[in-house]
N, C-alpha and C. Protein backbone atom coordinates (compact mmCIF):
# COMPACT_ATOMS: atom_id res chain seq x y z
N UNK A 1 68.20 138.89 114.36
CA UNK A 1 68.55 137.27 115.23
C UNK A 1 69.84 137.44 116.59
N UNK A 2 69.64 136.42 117.19
CA UNK A 2 70.16 137.22 118.64
C UNK A 2 71.24 135.86 119.50
N UNK A 3 72.03 135.88 119.44
CA UNK A 3 73.57 135.06 119.73
C UNK A 3 73.35 135.15 121.58
N UNK A 4 73.11 133.83 121.96
CA UNK A 4 73.66 133.71 123.17
C UNK A 4 74.77 132.45 124.08
N UNK A 5 75.19 132.90 124.52
CA UNK A 5 76.78 132.09 124.63
C UNK A 5 77.18 132.55 126.35
N UNK A 6 77.18 130.87 126.67
CA UNK A 6 76.33 130.85 128.63
C UNK A 6 78.34 130.28 128.99
N UNK A 7 78.51 130.49 129.32
CA UNK A 7 79.76 129.57 130.66
C UNK A 7 79.41 130.34 132.24
N UNK A 8 80.58 129.40 132.68
CA UNK A 8 80.46 129.28 134.56
C UNK A 8 79.64 127.98 135.08
N UNK A 9 79.51 127.04 134.21
CA UNK A 9 78.93 125.90 134.48
C UNK A 9 80.13 125.18 135.26
N UNK A 10 79.26 123.88 135.78
CA UNK A 10 80.77 123.07 136.21
C UNK A 10 80.43 122.18 137.61
N UNK A 11 81.21 121.81 138.36
CA UNK A 11 80.91 120.98 139.79
C UNK A 11 81.19 121.71 141.22
N UNK A 12 80.68 121.49 141.84
CA UNK A 12 80.30 122.58 143.06
C UNK A 12 79.85 121.47 143.89
N UNK A 13 80.38 121.06 145.89
CA UNK A 13 79.84 120.55 146.02
C UNK A 13 78.18 121.34 146.90
N UNK A 14 77.67 120.56 147.83
CA UNK A 14 76.06 120.71 148.23
C UNK A 14 76.37 122.53 148.71
N UNK A 15 75.90 123.08 148.89
CA UNK A 15 76.25 124.36 149.81
C UNK A 15 77.12 125.37 149.11
N UNK A 16 78.08 124.87 148.53
CA UNK A 16 78.76 125.76 147.56
C UNK A 16 77.82 126.82 146.14
N UNK A 17 78.74 127.55 145.83
CA UNK A 17 78.25 128.88 144.85
C UNK A 17 79.33 128.47 143.55
N UNK A 18 77.54 129.65 142.29
CA UNK A 18 78.16 129.58 141.17
C UNK A 18 78.01 130.24 140.72
N UNK A 19 78.43 130.74 139.56
CA UNK A 19 78.15 132.41 138.87
C UNK A 19 78.07 132.00 137.09
N UNK A 20 76.90 131.69 136.43
CA UNK A 20 77.27 131.81 134.69
C UNK A 20 76.74 132.68 134.64
N UNK A 21 76.61 132.79 133.51
CA UNK A 21 76.85 134.17 132.78
C UNK A 21 76.19 134.03 132.29
N UNK A 22 75.69 134.63 130.08
CA UNK A 22 75.11 134.98 129.17
C UNK A 22 75.30 135.86 129.24
N UNK A 23 76.61 136.14 127.46
CA UNK A 23 75.92 137.56 126.58
C UNK A 23 75.37 137.06 125.63
N UNK A 24 75.08 138.21 124.78
CA UNK A 24 73.78 138.38 124.53
C UNK A 24 74.75 139.05 123.27
N UNK A 25 74.73 138.99 121.53
CA UNK A 25 74.93 139.64 120.26
C UNK A 25 73.77 139.89 119.28
N UNK A 26 74.97 140.39 118.47
CA UNK A 26 72.91 140.41 116.72
C UNK A 26 72.26 141.91 117.48
N UNK A 27 70.33 140.98 117.03
CA UNK A 27 70.25 142.12 117.35
C UNK A 27 69.72 142.73 119.20
N UNK A 28 70.32 142.60 119.56
CA UNK A 28 70.33 143.50 121.37
C UNK A 28 69.28 144.41 121.61
N UNK A 29 68.54 144.67 120.24
CA UNK A 29 68.39 146.20 120.74
C UNK A 29 66.92 145.87 120.29
N UNK A 30 66.59 144.37 120.30
CA UNK A 30 64.72 144.18 120.27
C UNK A 30 64.69 143.42 121.16
N UNK A 31 65.39 143.01 122.36
CA UNK A 31 65.38 142.21 123.54
C UNK A 31 64.90 142.90 124.65
N UNK A 32 63.44 142.11 124.84
CA UNK A 32 62.27 142.50 125.93
C UNK A 32 62.38 142.42 127.53
N UNK A 33 63.40 140.75 127.14
CA UNK A 33 63.15 140.23 128.25
C UNK A 33 64.47 138.53 128.52
N UNK A 34 65.58 138.35 130.19
CA UNK A 34 66.40 137.83 129.39
C UNK A 34 66.78 136.64 130.94
N UNK A 35 66.69 135.39 130.71
CA UNK A 35 66.54 134.69 131.79
C UNK A 35 67.44 133.67 131.58
N UNK A 36 66.81 132.01 132.60
CA UNK A 36 67.91 131.28 132.54
C UNK A 36 66.43 130.45 133.42
N UNK A 37 66.80 129.28 132.44
CA UNK A 37 66.11 127.87 132.43
C UNK A 37 66.93 126.56 132.92
N UNK A 38 66.61 125.22 133.03
CA UNK A 38 66.92 124.90 133.79
C UNK A 38 66.36 122.97 132.85
N UNK A 39 67.11 122.27 132.59
CA UNK A 39 66.66 120.73 132.61
C UNK A 39 67.59 120.02 133.14
N UNK A 40 66.55 119.47 133.56
CA UNK A 40 67.38 117.71 134.23
C UNK A 40 67.38 116.94 133.80
N UNK A 41 67.22 115.49 133.72
CA UNK A 41 67.73 114.48 133.08
C UNK A 41 66.43 113.64 133.59
N UNK A 42 65.02 114.20 132.47
CA UNK A 42 63.85 113.22 132.61
C UNK A 42 62.70 113.43 132.83
N UNK A 43 63.33 115.72 133.03
CA UNK A 43 62.53 116.10 133.19
C UNK A 43 62.41 117.28 132.31
N UNK A 44 61.63 118.23 132.07
CA UNK A 44 61.25 118.82 130.98
C UNK A 44 61.52 120.22 131.36
N UNK A 45 61.68 121.58 130.13
CA UNK A 45 62.68 122.54 130.75
C UNK A 45 62.04 123.48 131.50
N UNK A 46 62.64 124.07 132.64
CA UNK A 46 61.93 125.37 133.15
C UNK A 46 62.38 126.48 133.33
N UNK A 47 61.91 126.96 133.91
CA UNK A 47 62.40 128.67 133.97
C UNK A 47 62.86 128.63 135.76
N UNK A 48 63.90 129.61 135.92
CA UNK A 48 64.56 129.18 137.05
C UNK A 48 64.56 130.58 137.09
N UNK A 49 65.03 132.08 136.63
CA UNK A 49 64.97 133.60 137.07
C UNK A 49 64.75 133.99 135.73
N UNK A 50 63.99 135.39 135.29
CA UNK A 50 64.02 135.86 134.41
C UNK A 50 63.79 137.72 134.65
N UNK A 51 64.15 138.48 133.80
CA UNK A 51 65.08 140.00 133.83
C UNK A 51 64.31 140.79 133.41
N UNK A 52 63.28 141.84 133.32
CA UNK A 52 63.10 142.58 132.24
C UNK A 52 63.72 143.34 131.80
N UNK A 53 63.84 144.67 131.14
CA UNK A 53 64.53 145.18 131.15
C UNK A 53 64.28 146.75 132.10
N UNK A 54 63.31 146.54 132.62
CA UNK A 54 62.96 147.38 133.42
C UNK A 54 63.31 146.93 134.66
N UNK A 55 63.55 145.72 134.83
CA UNK A 55 64.92 145.43 135.83
C UNK A 55 63.76 144.80 136.31
N UNK A 56 63.15 144.53 136.48
CA UNK A 56 61.88 143.56 137.19
C UNK A 56 62.52 141.78 137.00
N UNK A 57 62.14 140.91 137.91
CA UNK A 57 62.46 139.57 138.01
C UNK A 57 61.16 138.79 138.56
N UNK A 58 61.95 137.50 138.25
CA UNK A 58 60.96 136.69 138.53
C UNK A 58 61.67 134.99 138.14
N UNK A 59 61.87 135.00 139.92
CA UNK A 59 61.81 133.46 140.66
C UNK A 59 60.67 132.44 140.21
N UNK A 60 61.27 131.71 140.26
CA UNK A 60 60.91 130.25 140.31
C UNK A 60 60.89 129.91 142.12
N UNK A 61 59.72 129.17 142.75
CA UNK A 61 59.64 129.00 144.49
C UNK A 61 60.77 128.14 144.89
N UNK A 62 61.14 127.65 144.05
CA UNK A 62 62.21 126.20 144.15
C UNK A 62 63.91 127.00 144.74
N UNK A 63 64.54 128.69 143.97
CA UNK A 63 65.70 128.98 143.83
C UNK A 63 65.48 130.47 144.84
N UNK A 64 63.71 130.93 144.54
CA UNK A 64 64.03 132.46 145.77
C UNK A 64 64.70 132.16 146.86
N UNK A 65 64.92 133.75 147.10
CA UNK A 65 65.90 133.87 148.34
C UNK A 65 67.28 132.89 148.18
N UNK A 66 68.00 132.22 147.38
CA UNK A 66 68.96 131.52 146.29
C UNK A 66 69.26 131.85 145.56
N UNK A 67 68.83 131.81 144.69
CA UNK A 67 69.33 133.05 143.34
C UNK A 67 69.55 134.39 143.14
N UNK A 68 70.29 134.91 142.32
CA UNK A 68 69.97 135.99 142.42
C UNK A 68 69.92 136.46 140.39
N UNK A 69 69.00 136.79 139.12
CA UNK A 69 69.62 137.20 138.75
C UNK A 69 69.74 138.38 138.22
N UNK A 70 71.15 139.52 137.28
CA UNK A 70 70.36 140.76 137.48
C UNK A 70 71.17 140.79 135.82
N UNK A 71 71.40 141.88 134.99
CA UNK A 71 71.40 142.46 134.25
C UNK A 71 72.34 143.33 133.40
N UNK A 72 73.97 143.15 132.87
CA UNK A 72 74.32 144.79 132.83
C UNK A 72 73.58 145.07 131.29
N UNK A 73 72.79 145.72 131.16
CA UNK A 73 72.42 146.38 129.77
C UNK A 73 73.45 147.12 129.12
N UNK A 74 74.73 147.78 129.57
CA UNK A 74 76.27 148.15 128.72
C UNK A 74 76.43 146.97 127.96
N UNK A 75 76.80 145.26 128.43
CA UNK A 75 77.29 144.66 127.48
C UNK A 75 76.69 143.71 127.20
N UNK A 76 75.13 143.71 127.07
CA UNK A 76 73.81 142.84 127.08
C UNK A 76 74.55 141.32 127.75
N UNK A 77 74.73 141.87 129.08
CA UNK A 77 75.02 140.12 129.24
C UNK A 77 74.18 140.38 130.53
N UNK A 78 73.99 138.75 130.87
CA UNK A 78 72.88 138.41 132.40
C UNK A 78 73.72 137.47 133.23
N UNK A 79 73.46 137.74 134.17
CA UNK A 79 74.08 136.48 135.74
C UNK A 79 73.38 136.46 136.19
N UNK A 80 73.28 134.82 136.41
CA UNK A 80 73.17 134.12 137.45
C UNK A 80 73.84 133.94 138.83
N UNK A 81 73.88 134.38 139.95
CA UNK A 81 74.29 133.85 141.01
C UNK A 81 74.09 132.91 141.95
N UNK A 82 74.36 131.49 141.80
CA UNK A 82 73.54 131.27 142.72
C UNK A 82 74.19 130.64 144.07
N UNK A 83 73.52 130.40 145.07
CA UNK A 83 73.66 130.30 145.79
C UNK A 83 73.46 129.11 146.51
N UNK A 84 74.40 128.55 147.90
CA UNK A 84 73.10 127.20 148.55
C UNK A 84 73.39 126.27 147.95
N UNK A 85 73.74 126.04 146.70
CA UNK A 85 73.63 124.99 145.89
C UNK A 85 73.16 123.65 147.00
N UNK A 86 71.81 122.73 146.09
CA UNK A 86 71.63 121.82 146.62
C UNK A 86 71.34 120.54 145.04
N UNK A 87 71.70 119.72 145.62
CA UNK A 87 71.96 118.43 144.23
C UNK A 87 71.26 118.58 144.01
N UNK A 88 69.03 119.08 143.95
CA UNK A 88 68.29 119.63 142.94
C UNK A 88 68.38 120.14 142.30
N UNK A 89 69.70 121.11 142.85
CA UNK A 89 69.97 121.63 141.34
C UNK A 89 70.33 121.39 140.27
N UNK A 90 71.35 120.49 140.10
CA UNK A 90 71.64 120.14 139.56
C UNK A 90 71.20 119.25 137.34
N UNK A 91 71.38 119.91 136.87
CA UNK A 91 70.04 120.16 135.01
C UNK A 91 71.04 120.87 134.62
N UNK A 92 71.21 121.03 133.15
CA UNK A 92 72.03 121.70 132.00
C UNK A 92 70.71 122.86 131.93
N UNK A 93 71.56 124.37 132.54
CA UNK A 93 70.93 125.72 132.44
C UNK A 93 71.23 125.77 131.28
N UNK A 94 70.45 126.56 130.59
CA UNK A 94 70.14 127.65 129.36
C UNK A 94 69.55 129.15 128.88
N UNK A 95 70.32 129.73 128.63
CA UNK A 95 70.29 131.40 129.06
C UNK A 95 69.50 131.67 127.93
N UNK A 96 67.86 131.85 127.39
CA UNK A 96 67.19 132.51 126.58
C UNK A 96 66.82 133.87 127.14
N UNK A 97 66.61 134.54 125.18
CA UNK A 97 65.96 136.12 125.50
C UNK A 97 65.08 136.10 124.45
N UNK A 98 63.96 137.38 124.77
CA UNK A 98 62.71 137.10 124.11
C UNK A 98 63.13 139.42 123.29
N UNK A 99 62.81 138.56 121.85
CA UNK A 99 62.70 139.70 121.50
C UNK A 99 61.40 140.65 120.53
N UNK A 100 60.89 141.23 120.00
CA UNK A 100 59.35 141.47 119.54
C UNK A 100 59.93 142.61 118.52
N UNK A 101 59.17 142.08 117.56
CA UNK A 101 59.32 142.59 116.11
C UNK A 101 57.99 143.15 116.09
N UNK A 102 57.39 144.13 116.01
CA UNK A 102 55.88 144.74 116.49
C UNK A 102 55.25 143.83 117.38
N UNK A 103 54.37 143.05 117.17
CA UNK A 103 53.58 142.34 118.23
C UNK A 103 54.15 140.67 117.65
N UNK A 104 54.99 140.84 117.31
CA UNK A 104 55.38 139.26 117.18
C UNK A 104 56.32 139.22 118.37
N UNK A 105 56.48 138.12 119.29
CA UNK A 105 58.07 137.37 119.55
C UNK A 105 58.96 136.42 119.51
N UNK A 106 60.50 136.86 119.45
CA UNK A 106 61.10 135.54 119.22
C UNK A 106 61.59 134.71 120.38
N UNK A 107 62.31 133.65 119.82
CA UNK A 107 62.70 132.66 121.23
C UNK A 107 63.91 132.59 120.45
N UNK A 108 64.98 132.92 121.82
CA UNK A 108 66.39 132.41 121.57
C UNK A 108 66.77 131.60 123.14
N UNK A 109 67.75 130.28 122.50
CA UNK A 109 68.33 129.97 123.74
C UNK A 109 69.91 129.92 123.43
N UNK A 110 70.16 129.76 124.17
CA UNK A 110 72.44 129.39 124.32
C UNK A 110 72.19 128.14 123.93
N UNK A 111 73.40 127.28 124.17
CA UNK A 111 74.16 126.22 123.20
C UNK A 111 73.99 125.23 124.99
N UNK A 112 73.75 126.07 126.52
CA UNK A 112 73.18 125.27 127.86
C UNK A 112 74.68 125.21 127.87
N UNK A 113 75.24 125.28 129.64
CA UNK A 113 75.86 124.62 130.34
C UNK A 113 75.18 123.91 131.57
N UNK A 114 75.95 123.07 132.14
CA UNK A 114 76.30 122.32 133.15
C UNK A 114 76.31 122.68 133.96
N UNK A 115 75.34 122.41 135.05
CA UNK A 115 75.84 122.78 136.82
C UNK A 115 75.62 120.85 137.82
N UNK A 116 76.44 120.58 137.78
CA UNK A 116 76.55 119.50 138.58
C UNK A 116 76.81 119.64 139.80
N UNK A 117 75.45 120.01 141.53
CA UNK A 117 76.14 119.85 142.72
C UNK A 117 75.92 118.46 143.16
N UNK A 118 77.43 117.34 144.06
CA UNK A 118 76.89 116.78 144.35
C UNK A 118 77.20 116.93 145.93
N UNK A 119 77.41 115.96 146.68
CA UNK A 119 75.87 115.54 147.62
C UNK A 119 76.98 115.32 149.19
């Protein structure tokens, strides 16, 4: 089992910045990748950015060049630095982790943190 606790959401004006943090605890040795998803009202949850154990990253086209995902393996914390925020970035942001036991992948979610960007 892995527990994920997010922090850092809030209200910011367009063009501003926020940094989200997600601390993992529990069976962190089994984590293979971590990432951030977001869900806006009336829309499906979608990948924002992900980072693998080796440091490889993947970004949604809509945030490429504005958001940066990073990971501190010593503290099992993943960060999402969000710059040049736009009103369309408004959503609940969820931390995600995948763990692997044998050939089986498990999926864990944080409780979510609200990000609101005003125009």
